[in-house]
N, C-alpha and C. Protein backbone atom coordinates (compact mmCIF):
# COMPACT_ATOMS: atom_id res chain seq x y z
N MET A 1 -11.18 5.28 -10.39
CA MET A 1 -9.77 3.83 -10.15
C MET A 1 -9.87 3.90 -11.12
N LEU A 2 -8.53 3.55 -10.51
CA LEU A 2 -7.61 2.47 -11.78
C LEU A 2 -7.73 1.06 -11.64
N LEU A 3 -8.15 0.02 -12.18
CA LEU A 3 -8.28 -1.10 -12.41
C LEU A 3 -7.17 -1.74 -12.92
N ILE A 4 -6.19 -2.97 -11.95
CA ILE A 4 -5.22 -3.77 -12.25
C ILE A 4 -5.21 -5.23 -12.77
N TYR A 5 -5.37 -5.50 -14.03
CA TYR A 5 -5.16 -6.81 -14.17
C TYR A 5 -4.77 -8.01 -12.94
N CYS A 6 -4.49 -9.18 -12.20
CA CYS A 6 -3.91 -9.69 -12.31
C CYS A 6 -3.58 -11.05 -12.99
N PRO A 7 -2.59 -11.58 -13.96
CA PRO A 7 -2.54 -12.38 -14.03
C PRO A 7 -2.28 -13.94 -13.39
N TYR A 8 -2.88 -13.82 -12.02
CA TYR A 8 -2.41 -15.11 -11.29
C TYR A 8 -4.15 -15.11 -10.41
N CYS A 9 -5.04 -14.19 -10.17
CA CYS A 9 -6.24 -13.97 -9.75
C CYS A 9 -7.04 -14.22 -11.32
N GLU A 10 -6.59 -13.68 -12.26
CA GLU A 10 -7.14 -13.71 -13.58
C GLU A 10 -8.74 -12.88 -13.53
N GLU A 11 -8.26 -12.10 -12.70
CA GLU A 11 -9.21 -10.77 -12.57
C GLU A 11 -8.99 -9.34 -12.51
N GLU A 12 -9.85 -7.89 -13.13
CA GLU A 12 -9.07 -6.86 -12.84
C GLU A 12 -9.33 -6.83 -11.26
N ARG A 13 -8.91 -5.78 -10.59
CA ARG A 13 -9.24 -5.15 -9.39
C ARG A 13 -9.06 -4.49 -8.91
N SER A 14 -9.15 -3.25 -7.87
CA SER A 14 -8.80 -1.77 -7.42
C SER A 14 -7.69 -1.92 -7.09
N GLU A 15 -6.95 -0.80 -8.02
CA GLU A 15 -5.55 -0.16 -7.90
C GLU A 15 -5.53 -0.36 -5.92
N LEU A 16 -6.41 -0.14 -5.56
CA LEU A 16 -6.03 -0.49 -3.86
C LEU A 16 -5.09 -1.56 -3.40
N GLU A 17 -5.55 -2.78 -4.17
CA GLU A 17 -5.26 -3.88 -3.94
C GLU A 17 -3.60 -4.87 -4.09
N PHE A 18 -2.68 -3.41 -4.85
CA PHE A 18 -1.61 -3.56 -5.51
C PHE A 18 -0.58 -2.79 -5.18
N ARG A 19 0.59 -2.94 -4.78
CA ARG A 19 1.87 -2.48 -4.68
C ARG A 19 2.61 -2.82 -5.62
N GLN A 20 3.61 -1.34 -6.05
CA GLN A 20 4.60 -1.62 -6.94
C GLN A 20 6.06 -1.79 -6.63
N ALA A 21 6.22 -2.38 -6.86
CA ALA A 21 7.79 -3.43 -6.92
C ALA A 21 9.10 -2.87 -7.36
N GLY A 22 9.23 -1.80 -7.90
CA GLY A 22 10.16 -1.33 -8.34
C GLY A 22 10.27 -1.68 -10.02
N ASP A 23 11.10 -1.84 -10.49
CA ASP A 23 11.78 -2.10 -12.27
C ASP A 23 11.75 -3.41 -12.29
N ALA A 24 10.99 -3.65 -13.35
CA ALA A 24 11.15 -4.98 -13.60
C ALA A 24 12.51 -5.90 -14.61
N HIS A 25 12.76 -7.32 -14.83
CA HIS A 25 13.53 -8.01 -15.32
C HIS A 25 15.60 -6.81 -15.02
N ILE A 26 15.78 -6.64 -13.97
CA ILE A 26 16.74 -5.95 -13.54
C ILE A 26 17.59 -7.00 -13.53
N ALA A 27 19.18 -6.69 -14.11
CA ALA A 27 20.31 -7.86 -14.14
C ALA A 27 20.23 -7.71 -13.26
N ARG A 28 20.48 -8.55 -11.83
CA ARG A 28 21.10 -8.42 -10.51
C ARG A 28 22.50 -8.84 -10.37
N PRO A 29 23.33 -8.54 -9.79
CA PRO A 29 24.75 -8.66 -9.71
C PRO A 29 24.75 -10.38 -9.18
N THR A 30 25.67 -11.18 -9.58
CA THR A 30 25.81 -12.29 -9.22
C THR A 30 26.33 -12.07 -8.01
N ASN A 31 27.39 -11.73 -8.12
CA ASN A 31 28.42 -11.37 -6.46
C ASN A 31 28.39 -10.30 -5.35
N ILE A 32 27.37 -10.12 -4.59
CA ILE A 32 26.97 -8.83 -3.94
C ILE A 32 27.85 -8.11 -3.60
N THR A 33 28.80 -9.18 -2.77
CA THR A 33 30.33 -8.96 -1.78
C THR A 33 31.20 -8.30 -2.45
N GLU A 34 31.14 -8.43 -3.81
CA GLU A 34 32.57 -8.13 -4.54
C GLU A 34 32.39 -6.35 -5.35
N LEU A 35 31.13 -6.14 -4.94
CA LEU A 35 30.63 -4.65 -5.09
C LEU A 35 30.73 -3.33 -4.38
N THR A 36 31.78 -2.16 -5.38
CA THR A 36 32.29 -0.84 -4.59
C THR A 36 31.07 -0.07 -4.06
N ASP A 37 31.58 0.29 -3.33
CA ASP A 37 30.16 1.32 -2.81
C ASP A 37 29.41 2.23 -4.37
N GLU A 38 29.92 2.94 -4.39
CA GLU A 38 29.49 3.18 -6.27
C GLU A 38 28.13 2.29 -6.98
N GLU A 39 29.04 0.55 -7.03
CA GLU A 39 28.38 0.05 -8.03
C GLU A 39 26.93 -0.39 -6.93
N PHE A 40 27.22 -0.53 -6.01
CA PHE A 40 26.30 -0.96 -5.01
C PHE A 40 25.36 0.30 -5.16
N GLU A 41 25.11 1.46 -4.60
CA GLU A 41 24.64 2.58 -4.51
C GLU A 41 23.88 2.93 -6.28
N ALA A 42 25.32 2.49 -7.10
CA ALA A 42 24.03 2.32 -8.49
C ALA A 42 23.04 1.16 -8.99
N PHE A 43 23.34 0.10 -8.32
CA PHE A 43 22.11 -0.86 -8.86
C PHE A 43 21.01 -0.87 -7.76
N PHE A 44 21.14 -0.33 -6.58
CA PHE A 44 20.01 -0.82 -5.50
C PHE A 44 19.15 0.96 -5.75
N PHE A 45 19.88 1.82 -6.24
CA PHE A 45 19.31 2.96 -6.02
C PHE A 45 19.04 4.01 -7.07
N LEU A 46 19.67 3.81 -7.88
CA LEU A 46 19.66 4.54 -9.00
C LEU A 46 18.74 4.46 -10.64
N ARG A 47 17.72 4.62 -10.98
CA ARG A 47 16.91 4.21 -11.91
C ARG A 47 16.68 5.09 -12.87
N ASP A 48 16.12 4.87 -13.66
CA ASP A 48 15.59 5.75 -14.84
C ASP A 48 14.13 6.12 -14.99
N ASN A 49 13.75 6.96 -14.99
CA ASN A 49 12.70 8.01 -14.92
C ASN A 49 11.72 7.94 -16.38
N VAL A 50 11.62 7.01 -16.87
CA VAL A 50 11.45 7.11 -18.40
C VAL A 50 9.86 7.51 -18.24
N LYS A 51 10.15 8.92 -19.50
CA LYS A 51 8.09 8.49 -20.01
C LYS A 51 8.27 8.36 -21.07
N GLY A 52 6.99 7.12 -20.55
CA GLY A 52 5.75 6.53 -21.70
C GLY A 52 6.23 4.89 -21.26
N LEU A 53 6.48 4.29 -21.65
CA LEU A 53 5.88 2.33 -21.41
C LEU A 53 7.20 2.19 -21.01
N THR A 54 7.54 1.52 -19.86
CA THR A 54 7.93 0.54 -18.74
C THR A 54 7.65 -0.36 -18.35
N TYR A 55 8.76 -1.08 -17.82
CA TYR A 55 8.76 -2.42 -17.13
C TYR A 55 8.44 -2.67 -15.45
N GLU A 56 7.56 -3.03 -14.92
CA GLU A 56 7.17 -2.87 -13.81
C GLU A 56 6.86 -4.45 -12.84
N ARG A 57 7.67 -4.10 -11.54
CA ARG A 57 7.28 -5.47 -10.83
C ARG A 57 5.96 -4.98 -10.11
N TRP A 58 4.96 -5.50 -9.74
CA TRP A 58 4.08 -5.34 -8.67
C TRP A 58 3.56 -6.56 -7.84
N ARG A 59 2.63 -6.30 -6.62
CA ARG A 59 2.34 -7.48 -6.11
C ARG A 59 1.08 -7.23 -5.76
N HIS A 60 0.10 -8.34 -6.10
CA HIS A 60 -1.30 -8.42 -5.95
C HIS A 60 -0.95 -8.38 -4.12
N LEU A 61 -0.93 -7.14 -3.51
CA LEU A 61 -0.87 -7.54 -1.74
C LEU A 61 -1.89 -7.88 -1.13
N ASN A 62 -3.27 -7.67 -1.11
CA ASN A 62 -4.26 -7.82 -0.95
C ASN A 62 -4.91 -8.77 -1.39
N GLY A 63 -4.26 -9.50 -2.92
CA GLY A 63 -5.38 -10.55 -3.03
C GLY A 63 -4.51 -11.50 -2.96
N CYS A 64 -3.55 -12.24 -3.72
CA CYS A 64 -3.20 -13.57 -3.80
C CYS A 64 -1.90 -13.52 -3.23
N GLY A 65 -1.53 -12.53 -3.09
CA GLY A 65 -0.40 -12.23 -2.40
C GLY A 65 1.43 -12.14 -3.32
N ARG A 66 1.05 -12.40 -4.96
CA ARG A 66 2.05 -12.78 -5.94
C ARG A 66 2.17 -11.39 -6.30
N PHE A 67 3.56 -11.37 -6.94
CA PHE A 67 4.97 -10.77 -7.31
C PHE A 67 4.25 -11.11 -8.91
N PHE A 68 4.06 -9.94 -9.98
CA PHE A 68 4.06 -10.28 -11.91
C PHE A 68 4.79 -8.97 -12.15
N ASN A 69 4.85 -8.92 -13.55
CA ASN A 69 5.11 -7.58 -14.28
C ASN A 69 3.87 -6.90 -14.94
N ALA A 70 4.46 -5.71 -15.22
CA ALA A 70 3.67 -5.18 -16.03
C ALA A 70 3.89 -3.96 -16.85
N ALA A 71 3.24 -3.70 -18.09
CA ALA A 71 4.12 -3.08 -18.92
C ALA A 71 3.25 -1.78 -18.82
N ARG A 72 3.65 -0.64 -18.12
CA ARG A 72 2.73 0.41 -17.88
C ARG A 72 3.22 1.51 -18.73
N ASP A 73 2.52 2.74 -18.97
CA ASP A 73 2.56 3.96 -19.78
C ASP A 73 2.75 4.56 -19.18
N THR A 74 3.97 5.83 -18.61
CA THR A 74 3.83 6.33 -17.19
C THR A 74 3.17 7.90 -17.73
N VAL A 75 3.11 8.05 -18.86
CA VAL A 75 2.51 9.25 -19.21
C VAL A 75 0.66 9.42 -18.96
N SER A 76 0.47 7.92 -19.49
CA SER A 76 -1.06 8.07 -19.06
C SER A 76 -1.32 7.53 -17.81
N ASP A 77 -0.58 6.34 -17.15
CA ASP A 77 -0.88 5.48 -15.71
C ASP A 77 -1.35 4.37 -16.67
N LYS A 78 -1.92 4.51 -18.17
CA LYS A 78 -2.70 2.66 -18.43
C LYS A 78 -1.18 2.14 -18.48
N PHE A 79 -1.86 0.90 -18.05
CA PHE A 79 -1.37 -0.47 -17.89
C PHE A 79 -1.35 -1.37 -19.09
N VAL A 80 -0.59 -1.68 -20.05
CA VAL A 80 -1.02 -1.29 -21.21
C VAL A 80 -0.60 -3.81 -21.26
N THR A 81 -0.34 -4.08 -20.35
CA THR A 81 -0.82 -6.12 -20.22
C THR A 81 0.51 -6.08 -19.08
N THR A 82 -0.11 -7.24 -18.03
CA THR A 82 0.63 -7.79 -17.01
C THR A 82 0.70 -9.04 -17.22
N TYR A 83 1.61 -9.53 -17.14
CA TYR A 83 2.41 -11.22 -16.96
C TYR A 83 3.05 -11.48 -15.91
N LYS A 84 2.69 -13.15 -16.26
CA LYS A 84 3.61 -13.53 -14.65
C LYS A 84 4.93 -13.40 -14.50
N ALA A 85 5.28 -12.88 -13.45
CA ALA A 85 6.50 -13.00 -13.01
C ALA A 85 7.81 -14.46 -13.70
N GLY A 86 8.77 -13.97 -14.19
CA GLY A 86 9.51 -15.19 -14.74
C GLY A 86 9.38 -15.27 -16.10
N LEU A 87 8.31 -14.86 -16.70
CA LEU A 87 8.20 -14.55 -18.12
C LEU A 87 8.75 -13.31 -18.89
N PRO A 88 9.67 -13.89 -20.00
CA PRO A 88 10.02 -12.87 -20.83
C PRO A 88 9.49 -11.73 -21.39
N LYS A 89 10.23 -10.27 -21.10
CA LYS A 89 9.46 -9.09 -21.72
C LYS A 89 9.26 -9.10 -23.02
N PRO A 90 7.69 -9.01 -23.00
CA PRO A 90 7.00 -8.80 -23.93
C PRO A 90 7.71 -8.09 -24.95
N ASP A 91 7.81 -8.01 -26.24
CA ASP A 91 7.98 -7.13 -27.55
C ASP A 91 7.02 -5.74 -27.71
N ILE A 92 7.87 -5.11 -27.37
CA ILE A 92 6.75 -3.74 -27.09
C ILE A 92 6.29 -3.34 -28.83
N SER A 93 6.68 -3.69 -29.63
CA SER A 93 6.07 -3.21 -30.99
C SER A 93 4.55 -3.92 -31.05
N THR A 94 4.05 -5.42 -29.96
CA THR A 94 3.05 -6.03 -30.01
C THR A 94 2.44 -4.85 -29.43
N LEU A 95 2.67 -3.96 -28.45
CA LEU A 95 2.25 -4.16 -27.01
C LEU A 95 1.75 -2.49 -27.37
N ARG A 96 2.03 -1.83 -28.27
CA ARG A 96 1.73 -0.08 -29.00
C ARG A 96 0.89 -0.35 -29.52
N PRO A 97 -0.29 0.30 -29.93
CA PRO A 97 -0.60 0.72 -31.56
C PRO A 97 0.11 1.09 -32.24
N ALA A 98 0.01 0.71 -33.33
CA ALA A 98 0.52 2.10 -34.54
C ALA A 98 0.94 3.37 -34.28
N THR A 99 -0.58 4.05 -34.02
CA THR A 99 -0.36 5.79 -33.25
C THR A 99 -1.10 5.44 -32.52
N GLU A 100 0.07 6.54 -32.13
CA GLU A 100 -0.29 7.13 -30.63
C GLU A 100 -1.63 8.53 -30.29
N ALA A 101 -2.06 8.28 -29.98
CA ALA A 101 -3.52 9.39 -29.57
C ALA A 101 -2.73 10.20 -28.40
N THR A 102 -3.25 11.17 -28.43
CA THR A 102 -2.09 12.08 -27.73
C THR A 102 -3.39 12.32 -26.26
N VAL A 103 -2.31 11.92 -25.03
CA VAL A 103 -2.79 12.10 -24.26
C VAL A 103 -2.84 13.17 -23.34
N GLU A 104 -3.74 13.59 -22.94
CA GLU A 104 -4.69 14.09 -21.87
C GLU A 104 -4.24 15.05 -20.34
N THR A 105 -2.77 15.56 -20.03
CA THR A 105 -2.59 15.70 -18.55
C THR A 105 -3.40 16.62 -18.20
N TYR A 106 -3.48 16.88 -17.35
CA TYR A 106 -3.35 17.48 -15.63
C TYR A 106 -2.62 19.00 -16.56
N GLU A 107 -1.56 18.84 -16.45
CA GLU A 107 -0.65 19.66 -16.67
C GLU A 107 -1.23 20.58 -18.48
N ALA A 108 -1.50 20.02 -18.94
CA ALA A 108 -2.11 20.69 -20.17
C ALA A 108 -3.44 21.32 -20.29
N THR A 109 -3.95 20.62 -19.25
CA THR A 109 -5.86 21.53 -18.64
C THR A 109 -5.65 22.42 -17.98
N GLU A 110 -4.67 22.39 -16.93
CA GLU A 110 -4.43 23.16 -15.38
C GLU A 110 -4.75 24.45 -16.37
N SER A 111 -4.47 24.87 -17.19
CA SER A 111 -4.36 26.74 -17.81
C SER A 111 -6.17 26.72 -17.82
N ASN A 112 -6.23 25.88 -18.18
CA ASN A 112 -7.92 25.97 -18.70
C ASN A 112 -9.22 25.83 -18.02
N ALA A 113 -8.86 25.91 -16.66
CA ALA A 113 -9.29 25.38 -15.31
C ALA A 113 -10.06 27.08 -14.85
N LYS A 114 -11.26 27.11 -15.23
CA LYS A 114 -12.36 28.13 -14.30
C LYS A 114 -12.69 28.30 -12.85
């Protein structure tokens, strides 16, 4: 089971208590009524699906109910850090170790199944 640290409750809790709420640190349009249909679609529906470190917004749904941000590695599903909503994005170089270990994925080991 994955444990996620809530920066408001200041404790790790089961992943079942949380819900992912999209990308963090998105520049929102200042006047949404002036967007074209294409701009509206691009802002609300089109997101990058990066492989590696990504910044996300999460909600501690079955706990304090508050939103917070997280830096998570999409390859290993490891939460690098979590931090309160409204704080600036942490520096990536301070979050990642200098040497990255190889992450063993299900796809890589699937052919070795017996």
